[in-house]
């Protein structure tokens, strides 16, 4: 499909072709960035979940220490 579009645009002149190619390149680059961002967000969510679990353990340990010290 992109080859057909390039042929149509190239018949309109070199500037139209260059403009189309630039837009096409930008869109493809943005798709790659979006995929990386999705993966990064997924990793952040995993990290937040792990830290939340660890915080709960630390919180229970602190509560136990406070109870032993009667604070």
PDB file of N, CA and C in Angstrom:
ATOM      1  N   UNK A   1       0.825  -1.187   0.000  1.00  0.00           N
ATOM      2  CA  UNK A   1       0.000   0.000   0.000  1.00  0.00           C
ATOM      3  C   UNK A   1       0.870   1.251   0.000  1.00  0.00           C
ATOM      4  N   UNK A   2       1.927   1.270   0.807  1.00  0.00           N
ATOM      5  CA  UNK A   2       2.767   2.468   0.857  1.00  0.00           C
ATOM      6  C   UNK A   2       3.452   2.695  -0.488  1.00  0.00           C
ATOM      7  N   UNK A   3       3.755   1.634  -1.221  1.00  0.00           N
ATOM      8  CA  UNK A   3       4.362   1.810  -2.544  1.00  0.00           C
ATOM      9  C   UNK A   3       3.392   2.500  -3.498  1.00  0.00           C
ATOM     10  N   UNK A   4       2.113   2.141  -3.429  1.00  0.00           N
ATOM     11  CA  UNK A   4       1.111   2.779  -4.276  1.00  0.00           C
ATOM     12  C   UNK A   4       0.991   4.263  -3.936  1.00  0.00           C
ATOM     13  N   UNK A   5       1.000   4.563  -2.654  1.00  0.00           N
ATOM     14  CA  UNK A   5       0.894   5.958  -2.227  1.00  0.00           C
ATOM     15  C   UNK A   5       2.111   6.741  -2.690  1.00  0.00           C
ATOM     16  N   UNK A   6       3.286   6.139  -2.585  1.00  0.00           N
ATOM     17  CA  UNK A   6       4.516   6.814  -3.032  1.00  0.00           C
ATOM     18  C   UNK A   6       4.443   7.114  -4.524  1.00  0.00           C
ATOM     19  N   UNK A   7       3.928   6.170  -5.308  1.00  0.00           N
ATOM     20  CA  UNK A   7       3.803   6.407  -6.751  1.00  0.00           C
ATOM     21  C   UNK A   7       2.833   7.547  -7.035  1.00  0.00           C
ATOM     22  N   UNK A   8       1.717   7.569  -6.307  1.00  0.00           N
ATOM     23  CA  UNK A   8       0.734   8.633  -6.525  1.00  0.00           C
ATOM     24  C   UNK A   8       1.326   9.990  -6.133  1.00  0.00           C
ATOM     25  N   UNK A   9       1.979  10.028  -4.976  1.00  0.00           N
ATOM     26  CA  UNK A   9       2.542  11.282  -4.487  1.00  0.00           C
ATOM     27  C   UNK A   9       3.697  11.737  -5.377  1.00  0.00           C
ATOM     28  N   UNK A  10       4.512  10.792  -5.870  1.00  0.00           N
ATOM     29  CA  UNK A  10       5.654  11.173  -6.706  1.00  0.00           C
ATOM     30  C   UNK A  10       5.199  11.829  -8.006  1.00  0.00           C
ATOM     31  N   UNK A  11       4.010  11.493  -8.462  1.00  0.00           N
ATOM     32  CA  UNK A  11       3.503  12.143  -9.677  1.00  0.00           C
ATOM     33  C   UNK A  11       3.140  13.604  -9.413  1.00  0.00           C
ATOM     34  N   UNK A  12       3.012  13.982  -8.144  1.00  0.00           N
ATOM     35  CA  UNK A  12       2.666  15.358  -7.784  1.00  0.00           C
ATOM     36  C   UNK A  12       3.894  16.255  -7.639  1.00  0.00           C
ATOM     37  N   UNK A  13       5.056  15.666  -7.635  1.00  0.00           N
ATOM     38  CA  UNK A  13       6.276  16.471  -7.553  1.00  0.00           C
ATOM     39  C   UNK A  13       7.178  15.987  -6.436  1.00  0.00           C
ATOM     40  N   UNK A  14       8.416  16.452  -6.491  1.00  0.00           N
ATOM     41  CA  UNK A  14       9.420  15.986  -5.552  1.00  0.00           C
ATOM     42  C   UNK A  14       9.122  16.472  -4.134  1.00  0.00           C
ATOM     43  N   UNK A  15       8.585  17.686  -3.980  1.00  0.00           N
ATOM     44  CA  UNK A  15       8.309  18.209  -2.641  1.00  0.00           C
ATOM     45  C   UNK A  15       7.167  17.443  -1.979  1.00  0.00           C
ATOM     46  N   UNK A  16       6.184  17.067  -2.754  1.00  0.00           N
ATOM     47  CA  UNK A  16       5.078  16.265  -2.218  1.00  0.00           C
ATOM     48  C   UNK A  16       5.602  14.902  -1.777  1.00  0.00           C
ATOM     49  N   UNK A  17       6.487  14.329  -2.572  1.00  0.00           N
ATOM     50  CA  UNK A  17       7.072  13.033  -2.225  1.00  0.00           C
ATOM     51  C   UNK A  17       7.911  13.137  -0.952  1.00  0.00           C
ATOM     52  N   UNK A  18       8.757  14.166  -0.872  1.00  0.00           N
ATOM     53  CA  UNK A  18       9.583  14.343   0.323  1.00  0.00           C
ATOM     54  C   UNK A  18       8.725  14.591   1.561  1.00  0.00           C
ATOM     55  N   UNK A  19       7.672  15.357   1.418  1.00  0.00           N
ATOM     56  CA  UNK A  19       6.770  15.616   2.545  1.00  0.00           C
ATOM     57  C   UNK A  19       6.108  14.332   3.009  1.00  0.00           C
ATOM     58  N   UNK A  20       5.640  13.548   2.056  1.00  0.00           N
ATOM     59  CA  UNK A  20       5.012  12.271   2.407  1.00  0.00           C
ATOM     60  C   UNK A  20       5.999  11.344   3.099  1.00  0.00           C
ATOM     61  N   UNK A  21       7.207  11.250   2.569  1.00  0.00           N
ATOM     62  CA  UNK A  21       8.207  10.360   3.160  1.00  0.00           C
ATOM     63  C   UNK A  21       8.567  10.797   4.575  1.00  0.00           C
ATOM     64  N   UNK A  22       8.655  12.101   4.802  1.00  0.00           N
ATOM     65  CA  UNK A  22       8.947  12.605   6.134  1.00  0.00           C
ATOM     66  C   UNK A  22       7.821  12.256   7.105  1.00  0.00           C
ATOM     67  N   UNK A  23       6.592  12.469   6.702  1.00  0.00           N
ATOM     68  CA  UNK A  23       5.451  12.130   7.558  1.00  0.00           C
ATOM     69  C   UNK A  23       5.416  10.632   7.826  1.00  0.00           C
ATOM     70  N   UNK A  24       5.649   9.833   6.805  1.00  0.00           N
ATOM     71  CA  UNK A  24       5.664   8.370   6.953  1.00  0.00           C
ATOM     72  C   UNK A  24       6.745   7.944   7.946  1.00  0.00           C
ATOM     73  N   UNK A  25       7.930   8.536   7.835  1.00  0.00           N
ATOM     74  CA  UNK A  25       9.030   8.220   8.745  1.00  0.00           C
ATOM     75  C   UNK A  25       8.673   8.594  10.188  1.00  0.00           C
ATOM     76  N   UNK A  26       8.070   9.758  10.355  1.00  0.00           N
ATOM     77  CA  UNK A  26       7.696  10.216  11.700  1.00  0.00           C
ATOM     78  C   UNK A  26       6.674   9.280  12.323  1.00  0.00           C
ATOM     79  N   UNK A  27       5.697   8.863  11.557  1.00  0.00           N
ATOM     80  CA  UNK A  27       4.666   7.956  12.072  1.00  0.00           C
ATOM     81  C   UNK A  27       5.279   6.621  12.485  1.00  0.00           C
ATOM     82  N   UNK A  28       6.145   6.074  11.660  1.00  0.00           N
ATOM     83  CA  UNK A  28       6.786   4.792  11.992  1.00  0.00           C
ATOM     84  C   UNK A  28       7.671   4.924  13.232  1.00  0.00           C
ATOM     85  N   UNK A  29       8.401   6.017  13.343  1.00  0.00           N
ATOM     86  CA  UNK A  29       9.254   6.229  14.519  1.00  0.00           C
ATOM     87  C   UNK A  29       8.397   6.366  15.771  1.00  0.00           C
ATOM     88  N   UNK A  30       7.268   7.038  15.661  1.00  0.00           N
ATOM     89  CA  UNK A  30       6.368   7.205  16.807  1.00  0.00           C
ATOM     90  C   UNK A  30       5.792   5.867  17.251  1.00  0.00           C
ATOM     91  N   UNK A  31       5.491   5.000  16.315  1.00  0.00           N
ATOM     92  CA  UNK A  31       4.982   3.665  16.663  1.00  0.00           C
ATOM     93  C   UNK A  31       6.017   2.900  17.483  1.00  0.00           C
ATOM     94  N   UNK A  32       7.276   2.992  17.086  1.00  0.00           N
ATOM     95  CA  UNK A  32       8.339   2.306  17.830  1.00  0.00           C
ATOM     96  C   UNK A  32       8.471   2.896  19.235  1.00  0.00           C
ATOM     97  N   UNK A  33       8.395   4.230  19.347  1.00  0.00           N
ATOM     98  CA  UNK A  33       8.477   4.873  20.656  1.00  0.00           C
ATOM     99  C   UNK A  33       7.305   4.475  21.536  1.00  0.00           C
ATOM    100  N   UNK A  34       6.133   4.354  20.946  1.00  0.00           N
ATOM    101  CA  UNK A  34       4.948   3.953  21.703  1.00  0.00           C
ATOM    102  C   UNK A  34       5.104   2.544  22.260  1.00  0.00           C
ATOM    103  N   UNK A  35       5.666   1.645  21.454  1.00  0.00           N
ATOM    104  CA  UNK A  35       5.892   0.271  21.921  1.00  0.00           C
ATOM    105  C   UNK A  35       6.874   0.259  23.095  1.00  0.00           C
ATOM    106  N   UNK A  36       7.949   1.029  22.981  1.00  0.00           N
ATOM    107  CA  UNK A  36       8.916   1.107  24.073  1.00  0.00           C
ATOM    108  C   UNK A  36       8.283   1.699  25.326  1.00  0.00           C
ATOM    109  N   UNK A  37       7.445   2.727  25.155  1.00  0.00           N
ATOM    110  CA  UNK A  37       6.779   3.354  26.287  1.00  0.00           C
ATOM    111  C   UNK A  37       5.819   2.387  26.965  1.00  0.00           C
ATOM    112  N   UNK A  38       5.099   1.589  26.181  1.00  0.00           N
ATOM    113  CA  UNK A  38       4.192   0.602  26.753  1.00  0.00           C
ATOM    114  C   UNK A  38       4.963  -0.420  27.590  1.00  0.00           C
ATOM    115  N   UNK A  39       6.098  -0.868  27.073  1.00  0.00           N
ATOM    116  CA  UNK A  39       6.926  -1.826  27.810  1.00  0.00           C
ATOM    117  C   UNK A  39       7.468  -1.198  29.091  1.00  0.00           C
ATOM    118  N   UNK A  40       7.891   0.054  28.998  1.00  0.00           N
ATOM    119  CA  UNK A  40       8.408   0.770  30.163  1.00  0.00           C
ATOM    120  C   UNK A  40       7.323   0.909  31.233  1.00  0.00           C
ATOM    121  N   UNK A  41       6.119   1.268  30.822  1.00  0.00           N
ATOM    122  CA  UNK A  41       5.020   1.412  31.777  1.00  0.00           C
ATOM    123  C   UNK A  41       4.679   0.072  32.436  1.00  0.00           C
ATOM    124  N   UNK A  42       4.732  -0.989  31.660  1.00  0.00           N
ATOM    125  CA  UNK A  42       4.479  -2.327  32.204  1.00  0.00           C
ATOM    126  C   UNK A  42       5.519  -2.666  33.270  1.00  0.00           C
ATOM    127  N   UNK A  43       6.780  -2.365  32.973  1.00  0.00           N
ATOM    128  CA  UNK A  43       7.845  -2.624  33.943  1.00  0.00           C
ATOM    129  C   UNK A  43       7.675  -1.778  35.198  1.00  0.00           C
ATOM    130  N   UNK A  44       7.244  -0.531  35.037  1.00  0.00           N
ATOM    131  CA  UNK A  44       6.997   0.328  36.196  1.00  0.00           C
ATOM    132  C   UNK A  44       5.881  -0.232  37.066  1.00  0.00           C
ATOM    133  N   UNK A  45       4.841  -0.743  36.457  1.00  0.00           N
ATOM    134  CA  UNK A  45       3.736  -1.309  37.225  1.00  0.00           C
ATOM    135  C   UNK A  45       4.193  -2.532  38.017  1.00  0.00           C
ATOM    136  N   UNK A  46       5.030  -3.352  37.413  1.00  0.00           N
ATOM    137  CA  UNK A  46       5.577  -4.516  38.111  1.00  0.00           C
ATOM    138  C   UNK A  46       6.430  -4.054  39.288  1.00  0.00           C
ATOM    139  N   UNK A  47       7.262  -3.054  39.068  1.00  0.00           N
ATOM    140  CA  UNK A  47       8.119  -2.525  40.120  1.00  0.00           C
ATOM    141  C   UNK A  47       7.293  -1.946  41.266  1.00  0.00           C
ATOM    142  N   UNK A  48       6.251  -1.208  40.938  1.00  0.00           N
ATOM    143  CA  UNK A  48       5.396  -0.637  41.976  1.00  0.00           C
ATOM    144  C   UNK A  48       4.730  -1.741  42.784  1.00  0.00           C
ATOM    145  N   UNK A  49       4.278  -2.780  42.132  1.00  0.00           N
ATOM    146  CA  UNK A  49       3.656  -3.906  42.845  1.00  0.00           C
ATOM    147  C   UNK A  49       4.648  -4.564  43.798  1.00  0.00           C
ATOM    148  N   UNK A  50       5.862  -4.786  43.330  1.00  0.00           N
ATOM    149  CA  UNK A  50       6.882  -5.404  44.180  1.00  0.00           C
ATOM    150  C   UNK A  50       7.217  -4.514  45.378  1.00  0.00           C
ATOM    151  N   UNK A  51       7.351  -3.224  45.139  1.00  0.00           N
ATOM    152  CA  UNK A  51       7.655  -2.304  46.235  1.00  0.00           C
ATOM    153  C   UNK A  51       6.507  -2.223  47.239  1.00  0.00           C
ATOM    154  N   UNK A  52       5.286  -2.302  46.758  1.00  0.00           N
ATOM    155  CA  UNK A  52       4.125  -2.285  47.649  1.00  0.00           C
ATOM    156  C   UNK A  52       4.132  -3.504  48.562  1.00  0.00           C
ATOM    157  N   UNK A  53       4.451  -4.664  48.004  1.00  0.00           N
ATOM    158  CA  UNK A  53       4.529  -5.882  48.817  1.00  0.00           C
ATOM    159  C   UNK A  53       5.627  -5.753  49.875  1.00  0.00           C
ATOM    160  N   UNK A  54       6.760  -5.224  49.480  1.00  0.00           N
ATOM    161  CA  UNK A  54       7.862  -5.068  50.431  1.00  0.00           C
ATOM    162  C   UNK A  54       7.528  -4.038  51.508  1.00  0.00           C
ATOM    163  N   UNK A  55       6.819  -2.985  51.125  1.00  0.00           N
ATOM    164  CA  UNK A  55       6.414  -1.973  52.096  1.00  0.00           C
ATOM    165  C   UNK A  55       5.488  -2.579  53.144  1.00  0.00           C
ATOM    166  N   UNK A  56       4.588  -3.446  52.721  1.00  0.00           N
ATOM    167  CA  UNK A  56       3.666  -4.092  53.662  1.00  0.00           C
ATOM    168  C   UNK A  56       4.435  -4.932  54.677  1.00  0.00           C
ATOM    169  N   UNK A  57       5.469  -5.620  54.221  1.00  0.00           N
ATOM    170  CA  UNK A  57       6.289  -6.425  55.131  1.00  0.00           C
ATOM    171  C   UNK A  57       7.012  -5.515  56.115  1.00  0.00           C
ATOM    172  N   UNK A  58       7.597  -4.443  55.624  1.00  0.00           N
ATOM    173  CA  UNK A  58       8.311  -3.509  56.498  1.00  0.00           C
ATOM    174  C   UNK A  58       7.341  -2.873  57.489  1.00  0.00           C
ATOM    175  N   UNK A  59       6.167  -2.521  57.023  1.00  0.00           N
ATOM    176  CA  UNK A  59       5.168  -1.910  57.901  1.00  0.00           C
ATOM    177  C   UNK A  59       4.769  -2.870  59.029  1.00  0.00           C
ATOM    178  N   UNK A  60       4.585  -4.117  58.697  1.00  0.00           N
ATOM    179  CA  UNK A  60       4.218  -5.080  59.746  1.00  0.00           C
ATOM    180  C   UNK A  60       5.377  -5.290  60.722  1.00  0.00           C
ATOM    181  N   UNK A  61       6.612  -5.271  60.225  1.00  0.00           N
ATOM    182  CA  UNK A  61       7.774  -5.404  61.112  1.00  0.00           C
ATOM    183  C   UNK A  61       7.888  -4.200  62.055  1.00  0.00           C
ATOM    184  N   UNK A  62       7.673  -3.012  61.529  1.00  0.00           N
ATOM    185  CA  UNK A  62       7.729  -1.802  62.350  1.00  0.00           C
ATOM    186  C   UNK A  62       6.622  -1.850  63.408  1.00  0.00           C
ATOM    187  N   UNK A  63       5.449  -2.284  63.018  1.00  0.00           N
ATOM    188  CA  UNK A  63       4.340  -2.392  63.991  1.00  0.00           C
ATOM    189  C   UNK A  63       4.670  -3.381  65.084  1.00  0.00           C
ATOM    190  N   UNK A  64       5.295  -4.499  64.722  1.00  0.00           N
ATOM    191  CA  UNK A  64       5.670  -5.497  65.721  1.00  0.00           C
ATOM    192  C   UNK A  64       6.719  -4.938  66.681  1.00  0.00           C
ATOM    193  N   UNK A  65       7.664  -4.189  66.169  1.00  0.00           N
ATOM    194  CA  UNK A  65       8.688  -3.583  67.011  1.00  0.00           C
ATOM    195  C   UNK A  65       8.051  -2.562  67.956  1.00  0.00           C
ATOM    196  N   UNK A  66       7.144  -1.760  67.443  1.00  0.00           N
ATOM    197  CA  UNK A  66       6.463  -0.782  68.289  1.00  0.00           C
ATOM    198  C   UNK A  66       5.685  -1.475  69.399  1.00  0.00           C
ATOM    199  N   UNK A  67       5.033  -2.563  69.095  1.00  0.00           N
ATOM    200  CA  UNK A  67       4.272  -3.301  70.085  1.00  0.00           C
ATOM    201  C   UNK A  67       5.195  -3.850  71.176  1.00  0.00           C
ATOM    202  N   UNK A  68       6.353  -4.331  70.799  1.00  0.00           N
ATOM    203  CA  UNK A  68       7.302  -4.866  71.786  1.00  0.00           C
ATOM    204  C   UNK A  68       7.847  -3.745  72.678  1.00  0.00           C
ATOM    205  N   UNK A  69       7.998  -2.553  72.089  1.00  0.00           N
ATOM    206  CA  UNK A  69       8.502  -1.428  72.870  1.00  0.00           C
ATOM    207  C   UNK A  69       7.392  -0.669  73.583  1.00  0.00           C
ATOM    208  N   UNK A  70       6.146  -1.052  73.321  1.00  0.00           N
ATOM    209  CA  UNK A  70       4.976  -0.420  73.920  1.00  0.00           C
ATOM    210  C   UNK A  70       4.904   1.069  73.575  1.00  0.00           C
ATOM    211  N   UNK A  71       5.116   1.381  72.331  1.00  0.00           N
ATOM    212  CA  UNK A  71       5.048   2.775  71.868  1.00  0.00           C
ATOM    213  C   UNK A  71       3.689   3.028  71.273  1.00  0.00           C
TER     214      UNK A  71
END
